[in-house]
Amino acid sequence: MTVTALPPVRLSVRLPQAYPLRLPPELLSITTTHNWFLDVGQLSDQLIERWEEGETILYTWIEYIHTGEFLRREVLGKQQTVM
């Protein structure tokens, strides 16, 4: 199956005073208009994993979602647990 477009994904974040030097952005919520494809908890974990101390990350998070890379990781993870 080929996905040609994703529904909108909305991130609500708060930037703590120590961002980006010591703390990642705080994810307040992740919402979509279609929840059938998205494990919000898993996506949240994936985004936080991508943050590195001292590095800005918001643009990277947006690209990660925009390109659908998070879906590939989710599908691969499910395939590995089934085997």
N, C-alpha and C. Protein backbone atom coordinates (compact mmCIF):
# COMPACT_ATOMS: atom_id res chain seq x y z
N MET A 1 0.84 -1.18 0.00
CA MET A 1 0.00 0.00 0.00
C MET A 1 0.88 1.24 0.00
N THR A 2 0.56 2.20 -0.82
CA THR A 2 1.29 3.45 -0.90
C THR A 2 0.45 4.57 -0.32
N VAL A 3 1.06 5.32 0.57
CA VAL A 3 0.39 6.49 1.15
C VAL A 3 0.90 7.71 0.42
N THR A 4 -0.01 8.47 -0.19
CA THR A 4 0.42 9.64 -0.95
C THR A 4 0.22 10.94 -0.19
N ALA A 5 -0.60 10.92 0.85
CA ALA A 5 -0.83 12.12 1.65
C ALA A 5 -1.22 11.71 3.05
N LEU A 6 -0.81 12.51 4.01
CA LEU A 6 -1.16 12.27 5.41
C LEU A 6 -2.15 13.34 5.88
N PRO A 7 -3.05 12.98 6.77
CA PRO A 7 -3.91 14.01 7.35
C PRO A 7 -3.06 14.93 8.22
N PRO A 8 -3.56 16.10 8.51
CA PRO A 8 -2.80 17.02 9.36
C PRO A 8 -2.49 16.42 10.73
N VAL A 9 -1.29 16.66 11.20
CA VAL A 9 -0.87 16.28 12.55
C VAL A 9 -0.51 17.58 13.26
N ARG A 10 -1.11 17.79 14.41
CA ARG A 10 -0.87 19.03 15.15
C ARG A 10 -0.09 18.73 16.43
N LEU A 11 1.05 19.41 16.56
CA LEU A 11 1.85 19.30 17.77
C LEU A 11 1.65 20.55 18.60
N SER A 12 1.40 20.35 19.86
CA SER A 12 1.35 21.48 20.78
C SER A 12 2.51 21.29 21.74
N VAL A 13 3.44 22.27 21.75
CA VAL A 13 4.65 22.14 22.56
C VAL A 13 4.86 23.38 23.42
N ARG A 14 5.59 23.17 24.47
CA ARG A 14 6.04 24.27 25.33
C ARG A 14 7.55 24.19 25.37
N LEU A 15 8.20 25.32 25.20
CA LEU A 15 9.66 25.36 25.25
C LEU A 15 10.10 25.79 26.64
N PRO A 16 10.69 24.88 27.42
CA PRO A 16 11.16 25.26 28.75
C PRO A 16 12.33 26.23 28.65
N GLN A 17 12.59 26.96 29.71
CA GLN A 17 13.68 27.94 29.69
C GLN A 17 15.03 27.29 29.39
N ALA A 18 15.21 26.04 29.77
CA ALA A 18 16.48 25.35 29.55
C ALA A 18 16.59 24.72 28.16
N TYR A 19 15.57 24.92 27.30
CA TYR A 19 15.64 24.42 25.92
C TYR A 19 16.49 25.35 25.10
N PRO A 20 17.33 24.87 24.24
CA PRO A 20 17.66 23.49 23.93
C PRO A 20 18.89 22.96 24.66
N LEU A 21 19.45 23.77 25.53
CA LEU A 21 20.72 23.37 26.15
C LEU A 21 20.60 22.13 27.03
N ARG A 22 19.54 22.06 27.85
CA ARG A 22 19.46 20.95 28.79
C ARG A 22 18.15 20.16 28.74
N LEU A 23 17.10 20.75 28.17
CA LEU A 23 15.79 20.08 28.16
C LEU A 23 15.17 20.08 26.77
N PRO A 24 14.44 19.00 26.44
CA PRO A 24 13.74 18.98 25.15
C PRO A 24 12.45 19.78 25.25
N PRO A 25 11.81 20.07 24.12
CA PRO A 25 10.49 20.69 24.17
C PRO A 25 9.54 19.75 24.92
N GLU A 26 8.59 20.33 25.59
CA GLU A 26 7.58 19.53 26.29
C GLU A 26 6.39 19.34 25.34
N LEU A 27 6.08 18.10 25.01
CA LEU A 27 4.94 17.81 24.13
C LEU A 27 3.67 17.85 24.96
N LEU A 28 2.85 18.86 24.72
CA LEU A 28 1.59 18.99 25.45
C LEU A 28 0.52 18.11 24.85
N SER A 29 0.48 18.03 23.51
CA SER A 29 -0.49 17.16 22.85
C SER A 29 -0.08 16.93 21.40
N ILE A 30 -0.55 15.80 20.87
CA ILE A 30 -0.43 15.46 19.46
C ILE A 30 -1.83 15.06 19.02
N THR A 31 -2.35 15.76 18.02
CA THR A 31 -3.70 15.45 17.55
C THR A 31 -3.71 15.35 16.03
N THR A 32 -4.66 14.56 15.53
CA THR A 32 -4.86 14.41 14.09
C THR A 32 -6.36 14.39 13.82
N THR A 33 -6.71 14.58 12.57
CA THR A 33 -8.12 14.49 12.21
C THR A 33 -8.53 13.04 12.00
N HIS A 34 -7.56 12.17 11.75
CA HIS A 34 -7.80 10.74 11.56
C HIS A 34 -6.83 9.97 12.45
N ASN A 35 -7.34 9.32 13.47
CA ASN A 35 -6.46 8.61 14.42
C ASN A 35 -6.21 7.15 14.04
N TRP A 36 -6.69 6.69 12.92
CA TRP A 36 -6.57 5.28 12.56
C TRP A 36 -5.13 4.83 12.35
N PHE A 37 -4.22 5.72 12.01
CA PHE A 37 -2.86 5.30 11.67
C PHE A 37 -1.83 5.67 12.73
N LEU A 38 -2.23 6.32 13.77
CA LEU A 38 -1.25 6.96 14.64
C LEU A 38 -1.34 6.46 16.07
N ASP A 39 -0.23 5.96 16.59
CA ASP A 39 -0.09 5.65 18.00
C ASP A 39 0.60 6.87 18.62
N VAL A 40 -0.20 7.74 19.24
CA VAL A 40 0.30 9.02 19.74
C VAL A 40 1.41 8.82 20.76
N GLY A 41 1.27 7.86 21.62
CA GLY A 41 2.31 7.60 22.63
C GLY A 41 3.63 7.20 22.00
N GLN A 42 3.55 6.35 20.98
CA GLN A 42 4.76 5.92 20.29
C GLN A 42 5.40 7.07 19.52
N LEU A 43 4.58 7.89 18.87
CA LEU A 43 5.12 9.04 18.14
C LEU A 43 5.80 10.01 19.11
N SER A 44 5.17 10.25 20.24
CA SER A 44 5.75 11.13 21.25
C SER A 44 7.12 10.61 21.69
N ASP A 45 7.21 9.32 21.95
CA ASP A 45 8.49 8.72 22.34
C ASP A 45 9.53 8.87 21.24
N GLN A 46 9.12 8.66 19.98
CA GLN A 46 10.05 8.78 18.86
C GLN A 46 10.58 10.21 18.74
N LEU A 47 9.71 11.18 18.94
CA LEU A 47 10.14 12.58 18.83
C LEU A 47 11.15 12.92 19.93
N ILE A 48 10.83 12.55 21.16
CA ILE A 48 11.73 12.85 22.28
C ILE A 48 13.08 12.14 22.09
N GLU A 49 13.07 10.92 21.56
CA GLU A 49 14.33 10.19 21.30
C GLU A 49 15.23 10.95 20.34
N ARG A 50 14.67 11.73 19.46
CA ARG A 50 15.45 12.44 18.43
C ARG A 50 16.16 13.68 18.99
N TRP A 51 15.74 14.16 20.14
CA TRP A 51 16.33 15.36 20.72
C TRP A 51 17.69 15.03 21.33
N GLU A 52 18.66 15.92 21.10
CA GLU A 52 19.98 15.81 21.71
C GLU A 52 20.27 17.11 22.44
N GLU A 53 20.86 16.99 23.58
CA GLU A 53 21.19 18.16 24.40
C GLU A 53 21.94 19.20 23.58
N GLY A 54 21.48 20.45 23.67
CA GLY A 54 22.13 21.55 22.99
C GLY A 54 21.67 21.78 21.55
N GLU A 55 20.83 20.90 21.02
CA GLU A 55 20.38 21.00 19.64
C GLU A 55 18.92 21.42 19.55
N THR A 56 18.61 22.33 18.64
CA THR A 56 17.20 22.66 18.39
C THR A 56 16.59 21.50 17.61
N ILE A 57 15.30 21.24 17.81
CA ILE A 57 14.73 20.02 17.26
C ILE A 57 13.39 20.21 16.56
N LEU A 58 12.73 21.33 16.73
CA LEU A 58 11.37 21.48 16.21
C LEU A 58 11.28 21.27 14.70
N TYR A 59 12.17 21.84 13.94
CA TYR A 59 12.14 21.65 12.49
C TYR A 59 12.34 20.17 12.13
N THR A 60 13.24 19.51 12.82
CA THR A 60 13.49 18.09 12.59
C THR A 60 12.25 17.27 12.89
N TRP A 61 11.55 17.59 13.97
CA TRP A 61 10.31 16.88 14.30
C TRP A 61 9.28 17.04 13.19
N ILE A 62 9.14 18.26 12.71
CA ILE A 62 8.16 18.53 11.64
C ILE A 62 8.51 17.74 10.39
N GLU A 63 9.76 17.71 10.01
CA GLU A 63 10.18 16.95 8.83
C GLU A 63 9.97 15.45 9.03
N TYR A 64 10.23 14.97 10.22
CA TYR A 64 10.06 13.55 10.55
C TYR A 64 8.60 13.14 10.33
N ILE A 65 7.68 13.99 10.73
CA ILE A 65 6.26 13.72 10.55
C ILE A 65 5.87 13.94 9.09
N HIS A 66 6.31 15.05 8.53
CA HIS A 66 5.95 15.42 7.15
C HIS A 66 6.33 14.33 6.13
N THR A 67 7.50 13.75 6.30
CA THR A 67 7.97 12.74 5.36
C THR A 67 7.32 11.37 5.59
N GLY A 68 6.66 11.19 6.73
CA GLY A 68 6.05 9.90 7.04
C GLY A 68 7.02 8.89 7.60
N GLU A 69 8.23 9.32 7.92
CA GLU A 69 9.25 8.41 8.44
C GLU A 69 8.77 7.71 9.71
N PHE A 70 8.00 8.40 10.53
CA PHE A 70 7.50 7.80 11.77
C PHE A 70 6.58 6.61 11.49
N LEU A 71 5.90 6.60 10.35
CA LEU A 71 5.05 5.47 9.98
C LEU A 71 5.88 4.24 9.62
N ARG A 72 6.98 4.45 8.92
CA ARG A 72 7.85 3.32 8.57
C ARG A 72 8.38 2.65 9.83
N ARG A 73 8.77 3.44 10.79
CA ARG A 73 9.31 2.88 12.03
C ARG A 73 8.22 2.12 12.78
N GLU A 74 7.01 2.69 12.78
CA GLU A 74 5.90 2.03 13.48
C GLU A 74 5.56 0.70 12.82
N VAL A 75 5.50 0.67 11.48
CA VAL A 75 5.19 -0.55 10.75
C VAL A 75 6.29 -1.59 10.94
N LEU A 76 7.54 -1.19 10.86
CA LEU A 76 8.64 -2.13 11.05
C LEU A 76 8.62 -2.72 12.45
N GLY A 77 8.31 -1.90 13.44
CA GLY A 77 8.23 -2.38 14.81
C GLY A 77 7.14 -3.42 14.98
N LYS A 78 5.99 -3.21 14.34
CA LYS A 78 4.89 -4.17 14.43
C LYS A 78 5.25 -5.46 13.72
N GLN A 79 5.96 -5.38 12.59
CA GLN A 79 6.35 -6.58 11.87
C GLN A 79 7.32 -7.41 12.72
N GLN A 80 8.21 -6.76 13.42
CA GLN A 80 9.18 -7.49 14.23
C GLN A 80 8.51 -8.18 15.41
N THR A 81 7.48 -7.56 16.00
CA THR A 81 6.82 -8.17 17.14
C THR A 81 5.93 -9.33 16.72
N VAL A 82 5.46 -9.33 15.48
CA VAL A 82 4.60 -10.41 14.99
C VAL A 82 5.42 -11.67 14.73
N MET A 83 6.63 -11.53 14.26
CA MET A 83 7.47 -12.67 13.89
C MET A 83 7.84 -13.44 15.09
